[in-house]
PDB file of N, CA and C in Angstrom:
ATOM      1  N   MET A   1       0.832  -1.176   0.000  1.00  0.00           N
ATOM      2  CA  MET A   1       0.000   0.000   0.000  1.00  0.00           C
ATOM      3  C   MET A   1       0.877   1.240   0.000  1.00  0.00           C
ATOM      4  N   ARG A   2       0.335   2.268  -0.554  1.00  0.00           N
ATOM      5  CA  ARG A   2       1.065   3.526  -0.640  1.00  0.00           C
ATOM      6  C   ARG A   2       0.863   4.361   0.623  1.00  0.00           C
ATOM      7  N   LYS A   3       1.836   5.220   0.874  1.00  0.00           N
ATOM      8  CA  LYS A   3       1.786   6.070   2.049  1.00  0.00           C
ATOM      9  C   LYS A   3       0.583   7.020   2.040  1.00  0.00           C
ATOM     10  N   PRO A   4       0.237   7.677   0.912  1.00  0.00           N
ATOM     11  CA  PRO A   4      -0.948   8.553   0.929  1.00  0.00           C
ATOM     12  C   PRO A   4      -2.235   7.804   1.275  1.00  0.00           C
ATOM     13  N   LEU A   5      -2.363   6.585   0.805  1.00  0.00           N
ATOM     14  CA  LEU A   5      -3.548   5.790   1.120  1.00  0.00           C
ATOM     15  C   LEU A   5      -3.609   5.484   2.616  1.00  0.00           C
ATOM     16  N   LEU A   6      -2.498   5.135   3.208  1.00  0.00           N
ATOM     17  CA  LEU A   6      -2.467   4.864   4.642  1.00  0.00           C
ATOM     18  C   LEU A   6      -2.799   6.113   5.446  1.00  0.00           C
ATOM     19  N   ILE A   7      -2.321   7.260   4.997  1.00  0.00           N
ATOM     20  CA  ILE A   7      -2.635   8.513   5.686  1.00  0.00           C
ATOM     21  C   ILE A   7      -4.128   8.796   5.590  1.00  0.00           C
ATOM     22  N   LEU A   8      -4.702   8.635   4.403  1.00  0.00           N
ATOM     23  CA  LEU A   8      -6.141   8.860   4.235  1.00  0.00           C
ATOM     24  C   LEU A   8      -6.962   7.916   5.111  1.00  0.00           C
ATOM     25  N   LEU A   9      -6.579   6.658   5.141  1.00  0.00           N
ATOM     26  CA  LEU A   9      -7.317   5.688   5.958  1.00  0.00           C
ATOM     27  C   LEU A   9      -7.197   6.005   7.452  1.00  0.00           C
ATOM     28  N   THR A  10      -6.040   6.485   7.872  1.00  0.00           N
ATOM     29  CA  THR A  10      -5.859   6.868   9.269  1.00  0.00           C
ATOM     30  C   THR A  10      -6.752   8.051   9.630  1.00  0.00           C
ATOM     31  N   VAL A  11      -6.786   9.043   8.753  1.00  0.00           N
ATOM     32  CA  VAL A  11      -7.645  10.209   8.990  1.00  0.00           C
ATOM     33  C   VAL A  11      -9.111   9.780   9.019  1.00  0.00           C
ATOM     34  N   GLU A  12      -9.499   8.903   8.110  1.00  0.00           N
ATOM     35  CA  GLU A  12     -10.880   8.418   8.087  1.00  0.00           C
ATOM     36  C   GLU A  12     -11.231   7.647   9.356  1.00  0.00           C
ATOM     37  N   LEU A  13     -10.294   6.880   9.863  1.00  0.00           N
ATOM     38  CA  LEU A  13     -10.527   6.155  11.110  1.00  0.00           C
ATOM     39  C   LEU A  13     -10.768   7.132  12.255  1.00  0.00           C
ATOM     40  N   LEU A  14      -9.945   8.181  12.328  1.00  0.00           N
ATOM     41  CA  LEU A  14     -10.115   9.175  13.381  1.00  0.00           C
ATOM     42  C   LEU A  14     -11.457   9.903  13.255  1.00  0.00           C
ATOM     43  N   VAL A  15     -11.848  10.228  12.026  1.00  0.00           N
ATOM     44  CA  VAL A  15     -13.136  10.891  11.798  1.00  0.00           C
ATOM     45  C   VAL A  15     -14.285   9.971  12.206  1.00  0.00           C
ATOM     46  N   ALA A  16     -14.196   8.712  11.828  1.00  0.00           N
ATOM     47  CA  ALA A  16     -15.258   7.761  12.161  1.00  0.00           C
ATOM     48  C   ALA A  16     -15.393   7.584  13.672  1.00  0.00           C
ATOM     49  N   VAL A  17     -14.275   7.486  14.368  1.00  0.00           N
ATOM     50  CA  VAL A  17     -14.328   7.340  15.824  1.00  0.00           C
ATOM     51  C   VAL A  17     -14.913   8.598  16.455  1.00  0.00           C
ATOM     52  N   ALA A  18     -14.487   9.762  15.979  1.00  0.00           N
ATOM     53  CA  ALA A  18     -15.020  11.011  16.526  1.00  0.00           C
ATOM     54  C   ALA A  18     -16.527  11.117  16.292  1.00  0.00           C
ATOM     55  N   LEU A  19     -16.962  10.819  15.087  1.00  0.00           N
ATOM     56  CA  LEU A  19     -18.394  10.882  14.791  1.00  0.00           C
ATOM     57  C   LEU A  19     -19.187   9.894  15.642  1.00  0.00           C
ATOM     58  N   GLY A  20     -18.660   8.712  15.801  1.00  0.00           N
ATOM     59  CA  GLY A  20     -19.360   7.702  16.577  1.00  0.00           C
ATOM     60  C   GLY A  20     -19.443   8.035  18.053  1.00  0.00           C
ATOM     61  N   GLN A  21     -18.398   8.667  18.584  1.00  0.00           N
ATOM     62  CA  GLN A  21     -18.383   8.939  20.012  1.00  0.00           C
ATOM     63  C   GLN A  21     -19.113  10.217  20.394  1.00  0.00           C
ATOM     64  N   ILE A  22     -19.144  11.196  19.497  1.00  0.00           N
ATOM     65  CA  ILE A  22     -19.873  12.428  19.818  1.00  0.00           C
ATOM     66  C   ILE A  22     -21.308  12.370  19.319  1.00  0.00           C
ATOM     67  N   GLY A  23     -21.575  11.373  18.481  1.00  0.00           N
ATOM     68  CA  GLY A  23     -22.932  11.221  17.970  1.00  0.00           C
ATOM     69  C   GLY A  23     -23.901  10.911  19.101  1.00  0.00           C
ATOM     70  N   HIS A  24     -25.068  11.469  19.020  1.00  0.00           N
ATOM     71  CA  HIS A  24     -26.064  11.292  20.071  1.00  0.00           C
ATOM     72  C   HIS A  24     -26.874  10.031  19.791  1.00  0.00           C
ATOM     73  N   VAL A  25     -26.835   9.125  20.725  1.00  0.00           N
ATOM     74  CA  VAL A  25     -27.636   7.912  20.629  1.00  0.00           C
ATOM     75  C   VAL A  25     -28.762   8.045  21.644  1.00  0.00           C
ATOM     76  N   ASP A  26     -29.952   8.297  21.151  1.00  0.00           N
ATOM     77  CA  ASP A  26     -31.099   8.486  22.031  1.00  0.00           C
ATOM     78  C   ASP A  26     -31.827   7.160  22.183  1.00  0.00           C
ATOM     79  N   ARG A  27     -31.618   6.541  23.317  1.00  0.00           N
ATOM     80  CA  ARG A  27     -32.252   5.261  23.583  1.00  0.00           C
ATOM     81  C   ARG A  27     -33.231   5.430  24.731  1.00  0.00           C
ATOM     82  N   PRO A  28     -34.510   5.253  24.457  1.00  0.00           N
ATOM     83  CA  PRO A  28     -35.512   5.384  25.529  1.00  0.00           C
ATOM     84  C   PRO A  28     -35.263   4.421  26.689  1.00  0.00           C
ATOM     85  N   ALA A  29     -34.758   3.236  26.407  1.00  0.00           N
ATOM     86  CA  ALA A  29     -34.504   2.268  27.478  1.00  0.00           C
ATOM     87  C   ALA A  29     -33.450   2.790  28.441  1.00  0.00           C
ATOM     88  N   MET A  30     -32.433   3.482  27.927  1.00  0.00           N
ATOM     89  CA  MET A  30     -31.400   4.035  28.805  1.00  0.00           C
ATOM     90  C   MET A  30     -31.964   5.193  29.623  1.00  0.00           C
ATOM     91  N   ALA A  31     -32.782   6.018  28.987  1.00  0.00           N
ATOM     92  CA  ALA A  31     -33.393   7.145  29.710  1.00  0.00           C
ATOM     93  C   ALA A  31     -34.292   6.633  30.839  1.00  0.00           C
ATOM     94  N   ARG A  32     -35.063   5.592  30.561  1.00  0.00           N
ATOM     95  CA  ARG A  32     -35.925   5.015  31.601  1.00  0.00           C
ATOM     96  C   ARG A  32     -35.095   4.422  32.743  1.00  0.00           C
ATOM     97  N   ALA A  33     -34.012   3.724  32.382  1.00  0.00           N
ATOM     98  CA  ALA A  33     -33.158   3.114  33.403  1.00  0.00           C
ATOM     99  C   ALA A  33     -32.492   4.181  34.267  1.00  0.00           C
ATOM    100  N   TRP A  34     -32.066   5.274  33.648  1.00  0.00           N
ATOM    101  CA  TRP A  34     -31.440   6.367  34.391  1.00  0.00           C
ATOM    102  C   TRP A  34     -32.443   7.001  35.354  1.00  0.00           C
ATOM    103  N   ALA A  35     -33.659   7.279  34.849  1.00  0.00           N
ATOM    104  CA  ALA A  35     -34.691   7.884  35.689  1.00  0.00           C
ATOM    105  C   ALA A  35     -35.064   6.955  36.847  1.00  0.00           C
ATOM    106  N   GLU A  36     -35.183   5.678  36.574  1.00  0.00           N
ATOM    107  CA  GLU A  36     -35.512   4.704  37.616  1.00  0.00           C
ATOM    108  C   GLU A  36     -34.419   4.652  38.672  1.00  0.00           C
ATOM    109  N   TRP A  37     -33.170   4.687  38.239  1.00  0.00           N
ATOM    110  CA  TRP A  37     -32.052   4.622  39.175  1.00  0.00           C
ATOM    111  C   TRP A  37     -32.019   5.863  40.067  1.00  0.00           C
ATOM    112  N   HIS A  38     -32.311   7.036  39.503  1.00  0.00           N
ATOM    113  CA  HIS A  38     -32.278   8.255  40.303  1.00  0.00           C
ATOM    114  C   HIS A  38     -33.511   8.418  41.199  1.00  0.00           C
ATOM    115  N   GLN A  39     -34.632   7.844  40.802  1.00  0.00           N
ATOM    116  CA  GLN A  39     -35.830   7.914  41.639  1.00  0.00           C
ATOM    117  C   GLN A  39     -35.787   6.880  42.760  1.00  0.00           C
ATOM    118  N   HIS A  40     -35.261   5.704  42.418  1.00  0.00           N
ATOM    119  CA  HIS A  40     -35.179   4.608  43.390  1.00  0.00           C
ATOM    120  C   HIS A  40     -33.762   4.031  43.336  1.00  0.00           C
ATOM    121  N   PRO A  41     -32.831   4.635  44.068  1.00  0.00           N
ATOM    122  CA  PRO A  41     -31.425   4.184  43.987  1.00  0.00           C
ATOM    123  C   PRO A  41     -31.175   2.836  44.663  1.00  0.00           C
ATOM    124  N   THR A  42     -31.507   1.796  43.930  1.00  0.00           N
ATOM    125  CA  THR A  42     -31.256   0.439  44.423  1.00  0.00           C
ATOM    126  C   THR A  42     -30.134  -0.178  43.585  1.00  0.00           C
ATOM    127  N   VAL A  43     -29.625  -1.274  44.093  1.00  0.00           N
ATOM    128  CA  VAL A  43     -28.558  -1.976  43.370  1.00  0.00           C
ATOM    129  C   VAL A  43     -29.076  -2.498  42.037  1.00  0.00           C
ATOM    130  N   GLU A  44     -30.279  -3.027  42.039  1.00  0.00           N
ATOM    131  CA  GLU A  44     -30.866  -3.553  40.794  1.00  0.00           C
ATOM    132  C   GLU A  44     -31.077  -2.452  39.766  1.00  0.00           C
ATOM    133  N   ALA A  45     -31.537  -1.288  40.200  1.00  0.00           N
ATOM    134  CA  ALA A  45     -31.745  -0.165  39.270  1.00  0.00           C
ATOM    135  C   ALA A  45     -30.419   0.301  38.695  1.00  0.00           C
ATOM    136  N   ARG A  46     -29.398   0.312  39.535  1.00  0.00           N
ATOM    137  CA  ARG A  46     -28.070   0.715  39.046  1.00  0.00           C
ATOM    138  C   ARG A  46     -27.533  -0.283  38.027  1.00  0.00           C
ATOM    139  N   ARG A  47     -27.705  -1.567  38.274  1.00  0.00           N
ATOM    140  CA  ARG A  47     -27.240  -2.593  37.330  1.00  0.00           C
ATOM    141  C   ARG A  47     -27.979  -2.483  35.997  1.00  0.00           C
ATOM    142  N   THR A  48     -29.272  -2.203  36.063  1.00  0.00           N
ATOM    143  CA  THR A  48     -30.053  -2.029  34.835  1.00  0.00           C
ATOM    144  C   THR A  48     -29.540  -0.833  34.044  1.00  0.00           C
ATOM    145  N   PHE A  49     -29.276   0.273  34.751  1.00  0.00           N
ATOM    146  CA  PHE A  49     -28.743   1.454  34.074  1.00  0.00           C
ATOM    147  C   PHE A  49     -27.370   1.168  33.462  1.00  0.00           C
ATOM    148  N   GLU A  50     -26.490   0.505  34.186  1.00  0.00           N
ATOM    149  CA  GLU A  50     -25.149   0.194  33.667  1.00  0.00           C
ATOM    150  C   GLU A  50     -25.226  -0.728  32.458  1.00  0.00           C
ATOM    151  N   ARG A  51     -26.173  -1.657  32.472  1.00  0.00           N
ATOM    152  CA  ARG A  51     -26.360  -2.539  31.313  1.00  0.00           C
ATOM    153  C   ARG A  51     -26.792  -1.729  30.093  1.00  0.00           C
ATOM    154  N   GLN A  52     -27.748  -0.830  30.282  1.00  0.00           N
ATOM    155  CA  GLN A  52     -28.196   0.018  29.172  1.00  0.00           C
ATOM    156  C   GLN A  52     -27.079   0.940  28.688  1.00  0.00           C
ATOM    157  N   GLN A  53     -26.252   1.379  29.619  1.00  0.00           N
ATOM    158  CA  GLN A  53     -25.115   2.223  29.256  1.00  0.00           C
ATOM    159  C   GLN A  53     -24.112   1.435  28.397  1.00  0.00           C
ATOM    160  N   ARG A  54     -23.861   0.183  28.743  1.00  0.00           N
ATOM    161  CA  ARG A  54     -22.956  -0.656  27.938  1.00  0.00           C
ATOM    162  C   ARG A  54     -23.512  -0.874  26.534  1.00  0.00           C
ATOM    163  N   ILE A  55     -24.828  -1.086  26.442  1.00  0.00           N
ATOM    164  CA  ILE A  55     -25.456  -1.267  25.134  1.00  0.00           C
ATOM    165  C   ILE A  55     -25.280  -0.011  24.287  1.00  0.00           C
ATOM    166  N   THR A  56     -25.425   1.157  24.890  1.00  0.00           N
ATOM    167  CA  THR A  56     -25.243   2.422  24.173  1.00  0.00           C
ATOM    168  C   THR A  56     -23.810   2.565  23.680  1.00  0.00           C
ATOM    169  N   VAL A  57     -22.850   2.211  24.497  1.00  0.00           N
ATOM    170  CA  VAL A  57     -21.438   2.289  24.100  1.00  0.00           C
ATOM    171  C   VAL A  57     -21.167   1.347  22.924  1.00  0.00           C
ATOM    172  N   ILE A  58     -21.713   0.151  22.981  1.00  0.00           N
ATOM    173  CA  ILE A  58     -21.534  -0.801  21.884  1.00  0.00           C
ATOM    174  C   ILE A  58     -22.143  -0.255  20.602  1.00  0.00           C
ATOM    175  N   GLN A  59     -23.307   0.363  20.698  1.00  0.00           N
ATOM    176  CA  GLN A  59     -23.940   0.947  19.512  1.00  0.00           C
ATOM    177  C   GLN A  59     -23.104   2.081  18.933  1.00  0.00           C
ATOM    178  N   ARG A  60     -22.501   2.890  19.787  1.00  0.00           N
ATOM    179  CA  ARG A  60     -21.643   3.979  19.292  1.00  0.00           C
ATOM    180  C   ARG A  60     -20.433   3.431  18.557  1.00  0.00           C
ATOM    181  N   TRP A  61     -19.789   2.406  19.125  1.00  0.00           N
ATOM    182  CA  TRP A  61     -18.626   1.823  18.454  1.00  0.00           C
ATOM    183  C   TRP A  61     -19.020   1.121  17.154  1.00  0.00           C
ATOM    184  N   ALA A  62     -20.183   0.502  17.160  1.00  0.00           N
ATOM    185  CA  ALA A  62     -20.660  -0.138  15.928  1.00  0.00           C
ATOM    186  C   ALA A  62     -20.907   0.909  14.847  1.00  0.00           C
ATOM    187  N   PHE A  63     -21.483   2.042  15.222  1.00  0.00           N
ATOM    188  CA  PHE A  63     -21.697   3.127  14.269  1.00  0.00           C
ATOM    189  C   PHE A  63     -20.361   3.623  13.724  1.00  0.00           C
ATOM    190  N   SER A  64     -19.362   3.771  14.594  1.00  0.00           N
ATOM    191  CA  SER A  64     -18.018   4.185  14.147  1.00  0.00           C
ATOM    192  C   SER A  64     -17.456   3.177  13.146  1.00  0.00           C
ATOM    193  N   GLY A  65     -17.649   1.905  13.424  1.00  0.00           N
ATOM    194  CA  GLY A  65     -17.147   0.863  12.518  1.00  0.00           C
ATOM    195  C   GLY A  65     -17.814   0.921  11.159  1.00  0.00           C
ATOM    196  N   VAL A  66     -19.118   1.145  11.138  1.00  0.00           N
ATOM    197  CA  VAL A  66     -19.839   1.224   9.865  1.00  0.00           C
ATOM    198  C   VAL A  66     -19.385   2.452   9.072  1.00  0.00           C
ATOM    199  N   VAL A  67     -19.252   3.588   9.752  1.00  0.00           N
ATOM    200  CA  VAL A  67     -18.793   4.809   9.070  1.00  0.00           C
ATOM    201  C   VAL A  67     -17.404   4.585   8.488  1.00  0.00           C
ATOM    202  N   PHE A  68     -16.503   3.981   9.267  1.00  0.00           N
ATOM    203  CA  PHE A  68     -15.156   3.734   8.762  1.00  0.00           C
ATOM    204  C   PHE A  68     -15.165   2.758   7.599  1.00  0.00           C
ATOM    205  N   ALA A  69     -15.976   1.725   7.673  1.00  0.00           N
ATOM    206  CA  ALA A  69     -16.039   0.746   6.585  1.00  0.00           C
ATOM    207  C   ALA A  69     -16.495   1.406   5.282  1.00  0.00           C
ATOM    208  N   VAL A  70     -17.485   2.267   5.369  1.00  0.00           N
ATOM    209  CA  VAL A  70     -17.979   2.945   4.167  1.00  0.00           C
ATOM    210  C   VAL A  70     -16.915   3.896   3.622  1.00  0.00           C
ATOM    211  N   LEU A  71     -16.327   4.716   4.487  1.00  0.00           N
ATOM    212  CA  LEU A  71     -15.302   5.664   4.034  1.00  0.00           C
ATOM    213  C   LEU A  71     -14.076   4.946   3.470  1.00  0.00           C
ATOM    214  N   ALA A  72     -13.608   3.929   4.176  1.00  0.00           N
ATOM    215  CA  ALA A  72     -12.416   3.200   3.730  1.00  0.00           C
ATOM    216  C   ALA A  72     -12.689   2.442   2.434  1.00  0.00           C
ATOM    217  N   GLY A  73     -13.864   1.843   2.327  1.00  0.00           N
ATOM    218  CA  GLY A  73     -14.201   1.131   1.090  1.00  0.00           C
ATOM    219  C   GLY A  73     -14.216   2.051  -0.103  1.00  0.00           C
ATOM    220  N   ALA A  74     -14.818   3.223   0.058  1.00  0.00           N
ATOM    221  CA  ALA A  74     -14.851   4.193  -1.041  1.00  0.00           C
ATOM    222  C   ALA A  74     -13.453   4.694  -1.372  1.00  0.00           C
ATOM    223  N   THR A  75     -12.651   4.953  -0.361  1.00  0.00           N
ATOM    224  CA  THR A  75     -11.293   5.450  -0.592  1.00  0.00           C
ATOM    225  C   THR A  75     -10.437   4.420  -1.319  1.00  0.00           C
ATOM    226  N   VAL A  76     -10.492   3.178  -0.888  1.00  0.00           N
ATOM    227  CA  VAL A  76      -9.694   2.132  -1.534  1.00  0.00           C
ATOM    228  C   VAL A  76     -10.169   1.910  -2.969  1.00  0.00           C
ATOM    229  N   LEU A  77     -11.466   1.948  -3.185  1.00  0.00           N
ATOM    230  CA  LEU A  77     -12.003   1.784  -4.536  1.00  0.00           C
ATOM    231  C   LEU A  77     -11.518   2.909  -5.457  1.00  0.00           C
ATOM    232  N   VAL A  78     -11.629   4.135  -5.007  1.00  0.00           N
ATOM    233  CA  VAL A  78     -11.171   5.279  -5.813  1.00  0.00           C
ATOM    234  C   VAL A  78      -9.667   5.199  -6.026  1.00  0.00           C
ATOM    235  N   TYR A  79      -8.929   4.812  -5.004  1.00  0.00           N
ATOM    236  CA  TYR A  79      -7.471   4.699  -5.122  1.00  0.00           C
ATOM    237  C   TYR A  79      -7.087   3.658  -6.177  1.00  0.00           C
ATOM    238  N   ARG A  80      -7.765   2.534  -6.153  1.00  0.00           N
ATOM    239  CA  ARG A  80      -7.445   1.488  -7.144  1.00  0.00           C
ATOM    240  C   ARG A  80      -7.827   1.909  -8.552  1.00  0.00           C
ATOM    241  N   ILE A  81      -8.954   2.584  -8.696  1.00  0.00           N
ATOM    242  CA  ILE A  81      -9.366   3.059 -10.022  1.00  0.00           C
ATOM    243  C   ILE A  81      -8.373   4.086 -10.539  1.00  0.00           C
ATOM    244  N   ARG A  82      -8.005   5.030  -9.694  1.00  0.00           N
ATOM    245  CA  ARG A  82      -7.065   6.076 -10.121  1.00  0.00           C
ATOM    246  C   ARG A  82      -5.680   5.511 -10.398  1.00  0.00           C
ATOM    247  N   ARG A  83      -5.285   4.506  -9.632  1.00  0.00           N
ATOM    248  CA  ARG A  83      -3.978   3.892  -9.847  1.00  0.00           C
ATOM    249  C   ARG A  83      -3.938   3.188 -11.199  1.00  0.00           C
ATOM    250  N   GLY A  84      -5.047   2.674 -11.671  1.00  0.00           N
ATOM    251  CA  GLY A  84      -5.103   1.979 -12.948  1.00  0.00           C
ATOM    252  C   GLY A  84      -5.243   2.914 -14.130  1.00  0.00           C
ATOM    253  N   GLU A  85      -5.603   4.175 -13.927  1.00  0.00           N
ATOM    254  CA  GLU A  85      -5.827   5.113 -15.016  1.00  0.00           C
ATOM    255  C   GLU A  85      -4.581   5.437 -15.840  1.00  0.00           C
ATOM    256  N   PRO A  86      -3.419   5.682 -15.233  1.00  0.00           N
ATOM    257  CA  PRO A  86      -2.272   6.066 -16.061  1.00  0.00           C
ATOM    258  C   PRO A  86      -1.918   5.047 -17.135  1.00  0.00           C
ATOM    259  N   ALA A  87      -1.973   3.772 -16.825  1.00  0.00           N
ATOM    260  CA  ALA A  87      -1.655   2.753 -17.818  1.00  0.00           C
ATOM    261  C   ALA A  87      -2.703   2.741 -18.921  1.00  0.00           C
ATOM    262  N   ALA A  88      -3.949   2.896 -18.582  1.00  0.00           N
ATOM    263  CA  ALA A  88      -5.017   2.878 -19.576  1.00  0.00           C
ATOM    264  C   ALA A  88      -4.971   4.120 -20.449  1.00  0.00           C
ATOM    265  N   SER A  89      -4.698   5.281 -19.891  1.00  0.00           N
ATOM    266  CA  SER A  89      -4.676   6.502 -20.681  1.00  0.00           C
ATOM    267  C   SER A  89      -3.460   6.545 -21.600  1.00  0.00           C
ATOM    268  N   ALA A  90      -2.328   6.000 -21.193  1.00  0.00           N
ATOM    269  CA  ALA A  90      -1.148   5.987 -22.046  1.00  0.00           C
ATOM    270  C   ALA A  90      -1.374   5.061 -23.245  1.00  0.00           C
ATOM    271  N   GLU A  91      -2.108   3.999 -23.007  1.00  0.00           N
ATOM    272  CA  GLU A  91      -2.362   3.046 -24.073  1.00  0.00           C
ATOM    273  C   GLU A  91      -3.373   3.594 -25.087  1.00  0.00           C
ATOM    274  N   ALA A  92      -4.409   4.226 -24.624  1.00  0.00           N
ATOM    275  CA  ALA A  92      -5.472   4.682 -25.517  1.00  0.00           C
ATOM    276  C   ALA A  92      -5.212   6.067 -26.094  1.00  0.00           C
ATOM    277  N   GLY A  93      -4.518   6.909 -25.365  1.00  0.00           N
ATOM    278  CA  GLY A  93      -4.368   8.292 -25.811  1.00  0.00           C
ATOM    279  C   GLY A  93      -3.226   8.536 -26.773  1.00  0.00           C
ATOM    280  N   GLY A  94      -2.276   7.655 -26.879  1.00  0.00           N
ATOM    281  CA  GLY A  94      -1.098   7.898 -27.702  1.00  0.00           C
ATOM    282  C   GLY A  94      -1.334   7.743 -29.189  1.00  0.00           C
ATOM    283  N   GLY A  95      -2.292   7.012 -29.590  1.00  0.00           N
ATOM    284  CA  GLY A  95      -2.559   6.791 -31.005  1.00  0.00           C
ATOM    285  C   GLY A  95      -1.570   5.837 -31.648  1.00  0.00           C
ATOM    286  N   ALA A  96      -0.727   5.188 -30.867  1.00  0.00           N
ATOM    287  CA  ALA A  96       0.266   4.275 -31.419  1.00  0.00           C
ATOM    288  C   ALA A  96      -0.375   2.967 -31.871  1.00  0.00           C
ATOM    289  N   ARG A  97      -1.497   2.634 -31.290  1.00  0.00           N
ATOM    290  CA  ARG A  97      -2.181   1.413 -31.683  1.00  0.00           C
ATOM    291  C   ARG A  97      -2.989   1.655 -32.938  1.00  0.00           C
ATOM    292  N   GLN A  98      -2.932   0.715 -33.842  1.00  0.00           N
ATOM    293  CA  GLN A  98      -3.721   0.828 -35.059  1.00  0.00           C
ATOM    294  C   GLN A  98      -4.709  -0.324 -35.117  1.00  0.00           C
ATOM    295  N   VAL A  99      -5.858  -0.032 -35.673  1.00  0.00           N
ATOM    296  CA  VAL A  99      -6.879  -1.049 -35.824  1.00  0.00           C
ATOM    297  C   VAL A  99      -6.457  -1.982 -36.951  1.00  0.00           C
ATOM    298  N   PRO A 100      -6.542  -3.301 -36.763  1.00  0.00           N
ATOM    299  CA  PRO A 100      -6.150  -4.228 -37.813  1.00  0.00           C
ATOM    300  C   PRO A 100      -6.982  -3.989 -39.067  1.00  0.00           C
ATOM    301  N   GLY A 101      -6.328  -3.966 -40.198  1.00  0.00           N
ATOM    302  CA  GLY A 101      -7.011  -3.768 -41.474  1.00  0.00           C
ATOM    303  C   GLY A 101      -7.103  -2.318 -41.874  1.00  0.00           C
ATOM    304  N   SER A 102      -6.642  -1.387 -41.038  1.00  0.00           N
ATOM    305  CA  SER A 102      -6.762   0.032 -41.377  1.00  0.00           C
ATOM    306  C   SER A 102      -5.772   0.413 -42.479  1.00  0.00           C
ATOM    307  N   GLU A 103      -4.672  -0.335 -42.642  1.00  0.00           N
ATOM    308  CA  GLU A 103      -3.713  -0.024 -43.714  1.00  0.00           C
ATOM    309  C   GLU A 103      -4.358  -0.275 -45.071  1.00  0.00           C
ATOM    310  N   ALA A 104      -5.178  -1.321 -45.146  1.00  0.00           N
ATOM    311  CA  ALA A 104      -5.804  -1.665 -46.433  1.00  0.00           C
ATOM    312  C   ALA A 104      -6.834  -0.615 -46.822  1.00  0.00           C
ATOM    313  N   ARG A 105      -7.497  -0.008 -45.866  1.00  0.00           N
ATOM    314  CA  ARG A 105      -8.516   1.004 -46.182  1.00  0.00           C
ATOM    315  C   ARG A 105      -7.894   2.303 -46.657  1.00  0.00           C
ATOM    316  N   ARG A 106      -6.704   2.634 -46.202  1.00  0.00           N
ATOM    317  CA  ARG A 106      -6.058   3.872 -46.612  1.00  0.00           C
ATOM    318  C   ARG A 106      -5.597   3.812 -48.060  1.00  0.00           C
ATOM    319  N   ALA A 107      -5.218   2.656 -48.539  1.00  0.00           N
ATOM    320  CA  ALA A 107      -4.636   2.542 -49.866  1.00  0.00           C
ATOM    321  C   ALA A 107      -5.626   2.618 -50.988  1.00  0.00           C
TER     322      ALA A 107
END
């Protein structure tokens, strides 16, 4: 892999993690668990809230993973297409290739 591609993928990873962690995940189950824990501070209510909190964290990381997968997939695809262009353009744009039988038509 090339260094520019690795730099782009690193930046995309950082962006995906930032988006996933600052993104707001509004889960009614977590809000209910939090309210229950603060209204009735029992051990069971706290465990329920912590469980919902773990689920929210997992969802945030999963969102970061999906964002990174989409960004990285698009970047690698564009990189591979662009990397293949110079060889194709040199072959087609130079005019050095002749169509078979074109000499007979000129004469």
